[in-house]
Amino acid sequence: MKKLILLTILLVFVGCSKYGDKLVFNNTEIYYTHKDLENYAKKLGDYLVKTGFADGKKKSLQLDMKKDVYIVKMVIAPESQNADWLKEGLIEFSKELMQNVFDGKMVVAIATDENFKILKIQDK
């Protein structure tokens, strides 16, 4: 029963285009919401492979843009959603991407569930 539920969730997630177009880098999915973000999605994927973030384990991200800010939504495993390091880790990841992928432009990394719904992160 549990495997059937997981398979259903996976099929809905993979088969749904509401997340945008998809590129895959070493089993890390990067969805991008606008065609003009495709080059940055490729650059992001290449960077994630280079740094070892895209390590063959299934991961999902979504790249979006609002005004002049790039938004990188990351699916966070349920067991890590309340981790002490998460908030600071997202801030550091944003800075790293700003310098190494997005040519110094503003980047915000956001923790999400498997449907790219933003998670509330509590201060500890």
C-alpha atoms as a PDB file:
ATOM      1  CA  MET A   1       0.000   0.000   0.000  1.00  0.00           C
ATOM      2  CA  LYS A   2       2.791   2.433   0.960  1.00  0.00           C
ATOM      3  CA  LYS A   3       4.638   1.753  -2.322  1.00  0.00           C
ATOM      4  CA  LEU A   4       1.449   2.403  -4.296  1.00  0.00           C
ATOM      5  CA  ILE A   5       0.955   5.756  -2.560  1.00  0.00           C
ATOM      6  CA  LEU A   6       4.581   6.756  -3.190  1.00  0.00           C
ATOM      7  CA  LEU A   7       4.331   5.696  -6.832  1.00  0.00           C
ATOM      8  CA  THR A   8       1.129   7.696  -7.274  1.00  0.00           C
ATOM      9  CA  ILE A   9       2.729  10.781  -5.748  1.00  0.00           C
ATOM     10  CA  LEU A  10       5.787  10.345  -7.953  1.00  0.00           C
ATOM     11  CA  LEU A  11       3.725   9.946 -11.110  1.00  0.00           C
ATOM     12  CA  VAL A  12       1.600  12.978 -10.313  1.00  0.00           C
ATOM     13  CA  PHE A  13       4.715  15.000  -9.554  1.00  0.00           C
ATOM     14  CA  VAL A  14       6.664  13.965 -12.634  1.00  0.00           C
ATOM     15  CA  GLY A  15       3.718  14.010 -15.010  1.00  0.00           C
ATOM     16  CA  CYS A  16       2.439  17.414 -14.035  1.00  0.00           C
ATOM     17  CA  SER A  17       3.596  20.347 -16.146  1.00  0.00           C
ATOM     18  CA  LYS A  18       2.280  23.021 -13.789  1.00  0.00           C
ATOM     19  CA  TYR A  19       5.783  23.237 -12.348  1.00  0.00           C
ATOM     20  CA  GLY A  20       7.225  24.381 -15.680  1.00  0.00           C
ATOM     21  CA  ASP A  21       9.546  22.815 -18.218  1.00  0.00           C
ATOM     22  CA  LYS A  22      12.040  20.333 -16.813  1.00  0.00           C
ATOM     23  CA  LEU A  23      15.733  19.610 -17.202  1.00  0.00           C
ATOM     24  CA  VAL A  24      17.457  16.733 -15.390  1.00  0.00           C
ATOM     25  CA  PHE A  25      21.055  16.747 -14.169  1.00  0.00           C
ATOM     26  CA  ASN A  26      22.303  13.535 -12.556  1.00  0.00           C
ATOM     27  CA  ASN A  27      18.778  12.750 -11.263  1.00  0.00           C
ATOM     28  CA  THR A  28      18.237  16.325 -10.004  1.00  0.00           C
ATOM     29  CA  GLU A  29      15.168  17.838 -11.642  1.00  0.00           C
ATOM     30  CA  ILE A  30      15.139  21.550 -12.345  1.00  0.00           C
ATOM     31  CA  TYR A  31      11.805  23.000 -13.394  1.00  0.00           C
ATOM     32  CA  TYR A  32      11.770  26.501 -14.820  1.00  0.00           C
ATOM     33  CA  THR A  33       8.621  28.553 -15.102  1.00  0.00           C
ATOM     34  CA  HIS A  34       9.488  30.777 -18.089  1.00  0.00           C
ATOM     35  CA  LYS A  35      11.288  29.992 -21.354  1.00  0.00           C
ATOM     36  CA  ASP A  36      13.664  32.906 -20.731  1.00  0.00           C
ATOM     37  CA  LEU A  37      14.942  31.091 -17.610  1.00  0.00           C
ATOM     38  CA  GLU A  38      16.132  28.028 -19.543  1.00  0.00           C
ATOM     39  CA  ASN A  39      19.755  29.183 -19.819  1.00  0.00           C
ATOM     40  CA  TYR A  40      19.928  29.871 -16.084  1.00  0.00           C
ATOM     41  CA  ALA A  41      18.296  26.497 -15.391  1.00  0.00           C
ATOM     42  CA  LYS A  42      21.055  24.834 -17.445  1.00  0.00           C
ATOM     43  CA  LYS A  43      23.731  26.866 -15.694  1.00  0.00           C
ATOM     44  CA  LEU A  44      22.213  25.967 -12.313  1.00  0.00           C
ATOM     45  CA  GLY A  45      22.126  22.269 -13.195  1.00  0.00           C
ATOM     46  CA  ASP A  46      25.734  22.274 -14.378  1.00  0.00           C
ATOM     47  CA  TYR A  47      26.777  24.029 -11.169  1.00  0.00           C
ATOM     48  CA  LEU A  48      24.886  21.556  -8.991  1.00  0.00           C
ATOM     49  CA  VAL A  49      26.632  18.657 -10.729  1.00  0.00           C
ATOM     50  CA  LYS A  50      30.039  20.359 -10.407  1.00  0.00           C
ATOM     51  CA  THR A  51      29.588  20.952  -6.675  1.00  0.00           C
ATOM     52  CA  GLY A  52      28.250  17.459  -5.962  1.00  0.00           C
ATOM     53  CA  PHE A  53      24.788  18.648  -4.952  1.00  0.00           C
ATOM     54  CA  ALA A  54      23.391  16.700  -7.917  1.00  0.00           C
ATOM     55  CA  ASP A  55      24.817  13.422  -6.657  1.00  0.00           C
ATOM     56  CA  GLY A  56      22.513  10.918  -8.348  1.00  0.00           C
ATOM     57  CA  LYS A  57      19.898  10.987  -5.582  1.00  0.00           C
ATOM     58  CA  LYS A  58      16.522  12.294  -6.703  1.00  0.00           C
ATOM     59  CA  LYS A  59      16.123  15.990  -5.937  1.00  0.00           C
ATOM     60  CA  SER A  60      13.748  18.612  -7.300  1.00  0.00           C
ATOM     61  CA  LEU A  61      14.100  22.360  -7.667  1.00  0.00           C
ATOM     62  CA  GLN A  62      12.051  25.013  -9.403  1.00  0.00           C
ATOM     63  CA  LEU A  63      13.467  28.205 -10.876  1.00  0.00           C
ATOM     64  CA  ASP A  64      11.193  31.224 -11.075  1.00  0.00           C
ATOM     65  CA  MET A  65      11.646  34.980 -11.269  1.00  0.00           C
ATOM     66  CA  LYS A  66       9.680  37.851  -9.762  1.00  0.00           C
ATOM     67  CA  LYS A  67      10.744  41.305 -10.916  1.00  0.00           C
ATOM     68  CA  ASP A  68      14.557  41.261 -10.605  1.00  0.00           C
ATOM     69  CA  VAL A  69      14.810  38.389  -8.098  1.00  0.00           C
ATOM     70  CA  TYR A  70      15.548  34.785  -9.044  1.00  0.00           C
ATOM     71  CA  ILE A  71      13.674  32.321  -6.865  1.00  0.00           C
ATOM     72  CA  VAL A  72      15.034  28.809  -6.377  1.00  0.00           C
ATOM     73  CA  LYS A  73      12.482  26.563  -4.687  1.00  0.00           C
ATOM     74  CA  MET A  74      13.900  23.366  -3.266  1.00  0.00           C
ATOM     75  CA  VAL A  75      11.934  20.315  -2.201  1.00  0.00           C
ATOM     76  CA  ILE A  76      13.004  19.497   1.347  1.00  0.00           C
ATOM     77  CA  ALA A  77      12.537  15.977   2.710  1.00  0.00           C
ATOM     78  CA  PRO A  78       9.995  15.843   5.541  1.00  0.00           C
ATOM     79  CA  GLU A  79      12.629  14.722   8.046  1.00  0.00           C
ATOM     80  CA  SER A  80      14.698  17.856   7.299  1.00  0.00           C
ATOM     81  CA  GLN A  81      11.895  20.427   7.239  1.00  0.00           C
ATOM     82  CA  ASN A  82      12.424  21.384  10.897  1.00  0.00           C
ATOM     83  CA  ALA A  83      16.206  21.037  10.975  1.00  0.00           C
ATOM     84  CA  ASP A  84      18.118  23.721  12.869  1.00  0.00           C
ATOM     85  CA  TRP A  85      20.449  24.325   9.918  1.00  0.00           C
ATOM     86  CA  LEU A  86      17.745  24.822   7.258  1.00  0.00           C
ATOM     87  CA  LYS A  87      17.176  28.585   7.462  1.00  0.00           C
ATOM     88  CA  GLU A  88      20.872  29.475   7.553  1.00  0.00           C
ATOM     89  CA  GLY A  89      21.609  26.864   4.887  1.00  0.00           C
ATOM     90  CA  LEU A  90      19.115  28.460   2.498  1.00  0.00           C
ATOM     91  CA  ILE A  91      20.663  31.893   3.064  1.00  0.00           C
ATOM     92  CA  GLU A  92      24.142  30.555   2.336  1.00  0.00           C
ATOM     93  CA  PHE A  93      22.900  28.622  -0.703  1.00  0.00           C
ATOM     94  CA  SER A  94      21.296  31.825  -2.044  1.00  0.00           C
ATOM     95  CA  LYS A  95      24.597  33.701  -1.702  1.00  0.00           C
ATOM     96  CA  GLU A  96      26.520  30.877  -3.373  1.00  0.00           C
ATOM     97  CA  LEU A  97      24.121  30.765  -6.331  1.00  0.00           C
ATOM     98  CA  MET A  98      24.133  34.547  -6.658  1.00  0.00           C
ATOM     99  CA  GLN A  99      27.927  34.515  -7.044  1.00  0.00           C
ATOM    100  CA  ASN A 100      28.379  31.349  -9.097  1.00  0.00           C
ATOM    101  CA  VAL A 101      25.270  30.989 -11.270  1.00  0.00           C
ATOM    102  CA  PHE A 102      23.239  34.184 -11.500  1.00  0.00           C
ATOM    103  CA  ASP A 103      25.955  36.725 -12.311  1.00  0.00           C
ATOM    104  CA  GLY A 104      25.589  38.632  -9.028  1.00  0.00           C
ATOM    105  CA  LYS A 105      21.825  39.070  -9.369  1.00  0.00           C
ATOM    106  CA  MET A 106      19.577  38.645  -6.320  1.00  0.00           C
ATOM    107  CA  VAL A 107      18.657  35.018  -5.518  1.00  0.00           C
ATOM    108  CA  VAL A 108      16.318  33.697  -2.849  1.00  0.00           C
ATOM    109  CA  ALA A 109      16.343  29.978  -2.023  1.00  0.00           C
ATOM    110  CA  ILE A 110      13.086  28.732  -0.524  1.00  0.00           C
ATOM    111  CA  ALA A 111      12.251  25.423   1.174  1.00  0.00           C
ATOM    112  CA  THR A 112       9.151  23.693  -0.205  1.00  0.00           C
ATOM    113  CA  ASP A 113       7.218  20.472   0.050  1.00  0.00           C
ATOM    114  CA  GLU A 114       7.051  18.036  -2.876  1.00  0.00           C
ATOM    115  CA  ASN A 115       4.477  20.255  -4.622  1.00  0.00           C
ATOM    116  CA  PHE A 116       6.679  23.367  -4.403  1.00  0.00           C
ATOM    117  CA  LYS A 117       4.433  24.769  -1.670  1.00  0.00           C
ATOM    118  CA  ILE A 118       6.505  27.082   0.504  1.00  0.00           C
ATOM    119  CA  LEU A 119       7.266  25.765   3.979  1.00  0.00           C
ATOM    120  CA  LYS A 120       7.196  27.939   7.060  1.00  0.00           C
ATOM    121  CA  ILE A 121      10.589  27.908   8.725  1.00  0.00           C
ATOM    122  CA  GLN A 122      10.552  28.636  12.426  1.00  0.00           C
ATOM    123  CA  ASP A 123      13.372  30.442  14.192  1.00  0.00           C
ATOM    124  CA  LYS A 124      14.862  28.169  16.827  1.00  0.00           C
END
